[in-house]
Amino acid sequence: MTCKQLNYFISLTFVLTMIQCKTQTSIQVATPQNNEIVYAPTLIIDSCLTEHQFEGKDNKELIRVEISGGVKVIPQWAFAIVPVLEEAKLNPDVKILDDNAFFSCKKLSKINLNNVENIGENCFKFSALEDVNLAKATIIKEFAFSNCSYLKNIMFSEDLKTIGEFAFSEDSALVKCHIPSGNIGASAFMGCSHLEQITLGKVSSIGNAAFLDCNSLSSLVIPSSVKTIGNEAFVGCTNLKEVIVNNHDTKIAGDAFAKDVIITYKNR
């Protein structure tokens, strides 16, 4: 066996050992700033995925991953703290992303989430995502997308039930947001400093500090579906001067808004 063949054999053995599943690699071409053509592999996972499987690994094989075949759940910490991961492609059968599945993947900017129904705690915290399509996600748990400083666009499901506590907190690039339904958890959008506009559909409740320190927010209409607005829900929204409330029966905490905000009830 030649030296070249030996090196190839060792590399192949390492990849298969690391994956511990039926996998294969395909090659994609990237062109960096120096115009040199380099080859970036896509790791294709066909059959199984386990908790912590790739956690903390920085192998170039993990720049792009494709989850295909029979995988329906991305387990806890499966791809957490993978510093090289830039893109993940999920097959349509993946419905659940467990807690911390992609936690602190700071280069992850692309992933298709349009078929995912349940997104776990800290799932994408500290990621580089810019756009997320959550068309079928009914449950978004605590800190799921917090500290995603590049996140600009979110599409929520019309059947949304819960946005967990701190789920989108400190997402400073977010400018507009439509929330069609469900409960908005405590501090869910806290510190979204560039959030100028939110529209609410059939939202049931707005938790404590849900929009605390969203200081670019300038207008707000509370739909009749909202039953409660929690403590400090909109405190620190320094550009918010008037709020229209469509249901006089909505229970609003005494400190939900700054004292100088005018609350106008449209219907009694």
Protein backbone atom coordinates (compact mmCIF):
# COMPACT_ATOMS: atom_id res chain seq x y z
CA MET A 1 0.00 0.00 0.00
CA THR A 2 1.37 3.40 -1.03
CA CYS A 3 1.65 6.33 1.38
CA LYS A 4 -1.17 8.11 -0.45
CA GLN A 5 -3.43 5.07 -0.20
CA LEU A 6 -2.61 4.69 3.50
CA ASN A 7 -3.53 8.31 4.23
CA TYR A 8 -6.81 7.91 2.37
CA PHE A 9 -7.61 4.76 4.32
CA ILE A 10 -6.89 6.45 7.66
CA SER A 11 -9.06 9.45 6.77
CA LEU A 12 -11.95 7.26 5.66
CA THR A 13 -11.72 5.16 8.81
CA PHE A 14 -11.79 8.30 10.99
CA VAL A 15 -14.91 9.65 9.30
CA LEU A 16 -16.79 6.37 9.58
CA THR A 17 -15.79 5.97 13.21
CA MET A 18 -16.86 9.52 14.07
CA ILE A 19 -20.26 9.16 12.46
CA GLN A 20 -21.20 5.70 13.77
CA CYS A 21 -24.07 5.65 11.27
CA LYS A 22 -24.57 4.98 7.61
CA THR A 23 -23.11 8.10 5.98
CA GLN A 24 -21.48 9.33 2.85
CA THR A 25 -19.87 12.57 1.75
CA SER A 26 -20.46 14.65 -1.34
CA ILE A 27 -18.29 17.51 -2.51
CA GLN A 28 -19.37 21.11 -3.05
CA VAL A 29 -17.26 23.87 -4.51
CA ALA A 30 -16.72 27.17 -2.71
CA THR A 31 -14.89 30.27 -3.93
CA PRO A 32 -13.36 32.34 -1.13
CA GLN A 33 -12.16 35.93 -1.43
CA ASN A 34 -8.77 34.96 -2.84
CA ASN A 35 -10.55 33.30 -5.78
CA GLU A 36 -8.96 29.94 -5.12
CA ILE A 37 -11.31 27.01 -5.57
CA VAL A 38 -11.58 24.84 -2.48
CA TYR A 39 -13.63 21.75 -1.79
CA ALA A 40 -16.05 21.70 1.14
CA PRO A 41 -17.70 18.37 1.92
CA THR A 42 -21.34 17.80 2.76
CA LEU A 43 -21.83 15.14 5.40
CA ILE A 44 -24.95 13.10 4.64
CA ILE A 45 -26.51 11.29 7.59
CA ASP A 46 -28.81 8.54 6.36
CA SER A 47 -29.94 6.44 9.26
CA CYS A 48 -29.28 7.48 12.86
CA LEU A 49 -28.21 10.38 15.01
CA THR A 50 -27.45 10.33 18.73
CA GLU A 51 -27.20 12.82 21.58
CA HIS A 52 -23.92 14.76 21.75
CA GLN A 53 -22.72 12.97 18.61
CA PHE A 54 -20.90 15.90 17.01
CA GLU A 55 -20.79 18.25 19.99
CA GLY A 56 -17.71 20.43 19.99
CA LYS A 57 -16.17 18.87 16.89
CA ASP A 58 -14.52 21.19 14.36
CA ASN A 59 -13.77 18.78 11.52
CA LYS A 60 -14.17 20.22 8.03
CA GLU A 61 -16.61 17.39 7.26
CA LEU A 62 -19.12 19.32 9.37
CA ILE A 63 -19.17 22.55 7.37
CA ARG A 64 -22.38 21.35 5.72
CA VAL A 65 -24.62 18.53 6.89
CA GLU A 66 -27.62 16.91 5.29
CA ILE A 67 -30.04 14.91 7.43
CA SER A 68 -31.84 12.45 5.18
CA GLY A 69 -33.49 9.06 5.35
CA GLY A 70 -35.20 7.91 8.51
CA VAL A 71 -34.06 10.65 10.90
CA LYS A 72 -37.11 12.33 12.46
CA VAL A 73 -35.62 13.91 15.58
CA ILE A 74 -32.42 15.90 16.03
CA PRO A 75 -31.34 14.81 19.54
CA GLN A 76 -30.06 16.95 22.38
CA TRP A 77 -26.68 18.57 21.79
CA ALA A 78 -26.25 16.63 18.52
CA PHE A 79 -24.52 19.52 16.74
CA ALA A 80 -23.93 21.87 19.67
CA ILE A 81 -20.83 24.08 19.67
CA VAL A 82 -19.67 22.98 16.23
CA PRO A 83 -17.65 26.06 15.21
CA VAL A 84 -17.34 25.18 11.51
CA LEU A 85 -21.00 24.35 10.78
CA GLU A 86 -22.44 26.80 8.22
CA GLU A 87 -25.42 25.00 6.73
CA ALA A 88 -27.79 22.19 7.68
CA LYS A 89 -30.40 20.61 5.46
CA LEU A 90 -33.20 18.68 7.15
CA ASN A 91 -35.38 16.09 5.46
CA PRO A 92 -39.15 16.80 5.61
CA ASP A 93 -39.68 14.08 8.24
CA VAL A 94 -37.67 15.94 10.88
CA LYS A 95 -40.39 17.32 13.17
CA ILE A 96 -38.56 17.79 16.49
CA LEU A 97 -35.34 19.58 17.37
CA ASP A 98 -34.40 18.70 20.95
CA ASP A 99 -32.83 21.05 23.48
CA ASN A 100 -29.45 22.51 22.47
CA ALA A 101 -29.44 20.63 19.17
CA PHE A 102 -27.56 23.44 17.36
CA PHE A 103 -26.58 25.52 20.39
CA SER A 104 -23.74 27.99 19.83
CA CYS A 105 -23.11 27.07 16.20
CA LYS A 106 -21.86 30.58 15.56
CA LYS A 107 -21.40 30.20 11.79
CA LEU A 108 -24.72 28.45 11.13
CA SER A 109 -26.57 30.76 8.73
CA LYS A 110 -28.76 28.37 6.72
CA ILE A 111 -31.21 25.68 7.82
CA ASN A 112 -34.65 24.74 6.53
CA LEU A 113 -37.13 24.66 9.40
CA ASN A 114 -40.41 24.88 7.50
CA ASN A 115 -41.51 21.34 8.47
CA VAL A 116 -40.32 21.40 12.08
CA GLU A 117 -43.10 21.42 14.70
CA ASN A 118 -41.22 21.62 18.00
CA ILE A 119 -38.03 23.60 18.67
CA GLY A 120 -36.22 22.91 21.94
CA GLU A 121 -34.53 25.11 24.51
CA ASN A 122 -31.38 26.95 23.40
CA CYS A 123 -31.68 25.20 20.05
CA PHE A 124 -30.19 28.01 17.94
CA LYS A 125 -28.87 30.34 20.62
CA PHE A 126 -25.85 32.32 19.35
CA SER A 127 -26.31 31.15 15.75
CA ALA A 128 -25.80 33.30 12.61
CA LEU A 129 -29.28 32.70 11.17
CA GLU A 130 -30.77 35.61 9.23
CA ASP A 131 -34.14 34.22 8.11
CA VAL A 132 -36.25 31.48 9.68
CA ASN A 133 -39.42 29.94 8.29
CA LEU A 134 -41.35 28.40 11.18
CA ALA A 135 -44.47 27.68 9.15
CA LYS A 136 -45.36 24.54 11.13
CA ALA A 137 -43.72 25.20 14.49
CA THR A 138 -46.36 25.30 17.22
CA ILE A 139 -43.93 25.13 20.18
CA ILE A 140 -40.82 27.32 20.44
CA LYS A 141 -39.13 26.78 23.78
CA GLU A 142 -37.01 28.94 26.06
CA PHE A 143 -33.99 30.75 24.55
CA ALA A 144 -34.52 28.89 21.25
CA PHE A 145 -33.31 31.79 19.07
CA SER A 146 -31.91 34.17 21.66
CA ASN A 147 -28.78 36.20 20.94
CA CYS A 148 -29.07 35.62 17.20
CA SER A 149 -27.69 39.01 16.29
CA TYR A 150 -28.18 38.58 12.52
CA LEU A 151 -31.80 37.37 12.63
CA LYS A 152 -33.91 39.75 10.51
CA ASN A 153 -36.98 37.80 9.39
CA ILE A 154 -39.24 35.32 11.15
CA MET A 155 -42.27 33.60 9.68
CA PHE A 156 -44.47 32.08 12.38
CA SER A 157 -47.07 29.34 12.04
CA GLU A 158 -50.71 30.36 12.04
CA ASP A 159 -51.17 27.56 14.60
CA LEU A 160 -48.48 28.84 16.95
CA LYS A 161 -49.21 27.92 20.58
CA THR A 162 -46.22 29.03 22.61
CA ILE A 163 -43.23 31.30 22.32
CA GLY A 164 -41.08 30.38 25.30
CA GLU A 165 -39.32 32.66 27.74
CA PHE A 166 -36.40 34.60 26.21
CA ALA A 167 -37.00 32.75 22.92
CA PHE A 168 -35.94 35.71 20.73
CA SER A 169 -34.33 37.96 23.33
CA GLU A 170 -31.45 40.22 22.31
CA ASP A 171 -32.04 39.64 18.58
CA SER A 172 -30.87 43.12 17.69
CA ALA A 173 -31.32 42.86 13.89
CA LEU A 174 -35.04 42.08 14.07
CA VAL A 175 -37.08 45.02 12.71
CA LYS A 176 -40.60 43.70 12.03
CA CYS A 177 -42.50 40.77 13.44
CA HIS A 178 -45.99 39.32 12.99
CA ILE A 179 -47.16 36.94 15.72
CA PRO A 180 -50.35 35.24 14.53
CA SER A 181 -51.46 33.38 17.68
CA GLY A 182 -50.52 31.71 20.95
CA ASN A 183 -48.94 32.82 24.21
CA ILE A 184 -45.89 35.08 24.27
CA GLY A 185 -43.63 34.05 27.15
CA ALA A 186 -41.81 36.24 29.64
CA SER A 187 -38.94 38.23 28.12
CA ALA A 188 -39.55 36.53 24.76
CA PHE A 189 -38.43 39.57 22.74
CA MET A 190 -36.60 41.46 25.46
CA GLY A 191 -33.78 43.66 24.20
CA CYS A 192 -34.71 43.52 20.50
CA SER A 193 -33.46 47.07 20.19
CA HIS A 194 -34.27 47.58 16.48
CA LEU A 195 -37.78 46.08 16.59
CA GLU A 196 -39.93 48.87 15.14
CA GLN A 197 -43.17 47.07 14.40
CA ILE A 198 -45.06 44.13 15.85
CA THR A 199 -48.49 42.98 14.71
CA LEU A 200 -50.47 40.58 16.82
CA GLY A 201 -53.08 38.14 15.56
CA LYS A 202 -55.08 35.92 17.89
CA VAL A 203 -52.51 36.14 20.66
CA SER A 204 -53.83 34.99 24.07
CA SER A 205 -51.34 36.50 26.51
CA ILE A 206 -48.22 38.65 26.68
CA GLY A 207 -45.84 37.66 29.48
CA ASN A 208 -43.79 39.68 31.93
CA ALA A 209 -41.10 41.80 30.24
CA ALA A 210 -42.00 40.21 26.88
CA PHE A 211 -40.92 43.33 24.94
CA LEU A 212 -38.82 45.00 27.61
CA ASP A 213 -36.34 47.54 26.21
CA CYS A 214 -37.56 47.28 22.62
CA ASN A 215 -36.79 50.98 22.35
CA SER A 216 -37.49 51.32 18.61
CA LEU A 217 -41.12 50.18 18.93
CA SER A 218 -43.32 53.17 18.07
CA SER A 219 -46.88 51.83 17.74
CA LEU A 220 -48.91 48.98 19.18
CA VAL A 221 -52.41 47.57 18.81
CA ILE A 222 -53.56 44.94 21.31
CA PRO A 223 -56.18 42.64 19.73
CA SER A 224 -59.32 41.58 21.56
CA SER A 225 -57.99 38.03 21.93
CA VAL A 226 -55.36 39.13 24.47
CA LYS A 227 -56.53 38.30 27.99
CA THR A 228 -53.50 39.41 30.01
CA ILE A 229 -50.45 41.64 29.68
CA GLY A 230 -47.79 41.02 32.31
CA ASN A 231 -45.53 43.19 34.43
CA GLU A 232 -43.07 45.41 32.53
CA ALA A 233 -44.21 43.85 29.25
CA PHE A 234 -43.42 47.06 27.33
CA VAL A 235 -41.31 49.01 29.79
CA GLY A 236 -38.25 50.59 28.19
CA CYS A 237 -40.02 51.03 24.84
CA THR A 238 -39.04 54.69 24.83
CA ASN A 239 -40.59 55.52 21.43
CA LEU A 240 -43.96 54.02 22.33
CA LYS A 241 -46.35 56.86 23.21
CA GLU A 242 -49.81 55.40 22.62
CA VAL A 243 -51.34 51.92 22.72
CA ILE A 244 -54.71 50.91 21.31
CA VAL A 245 -56.46 48.12 23.22
CA ASN A 246 -59.39 46.42 21.48
CA ASN A 247 -60.89 44.75 24.53
CA HIS A 248 -61.70 46.63 27.72
CA ASP A 249 -61.61 43.31 29.60
CA THR A 250 -57.92 42.75 28.85
CA LYS A 251 -56.11 42.59 32.20
CA ILE A 252 -53.11 44.90 32.02
CA ALA A 253 -50.54 44.89 34.83
CA GLY A 254 -50.10 48.29 36.45
CA ASP A 255 -46.50 48.55 35.31
CA ALA A 256 -46.93 46.92 31.89
CA PHE A 257 -46.20 50.28 30.18
CA ALA A 258 -44.26 53.38 31.07
CA LYS A 259 -46.35 55.93 32.97
CA ASP A 260 -46.43 58.41 30.09
CA VAL A 261 -47.91 55.94 27.58
CA ILE A 262 -51.50 56.73 26.62
CA ILE A 263 -53.78 53.68 26.56
CA THR A 264 -56.83 54.04 24.34
CA TYR A 265 -59.64 51.50 24.49
CA LYS A 266 -61.32 51.09 21.12
CA ASN A 267 -64.29 49.01 22.32
CA ARG A 268 -65.85 48.60 25.71
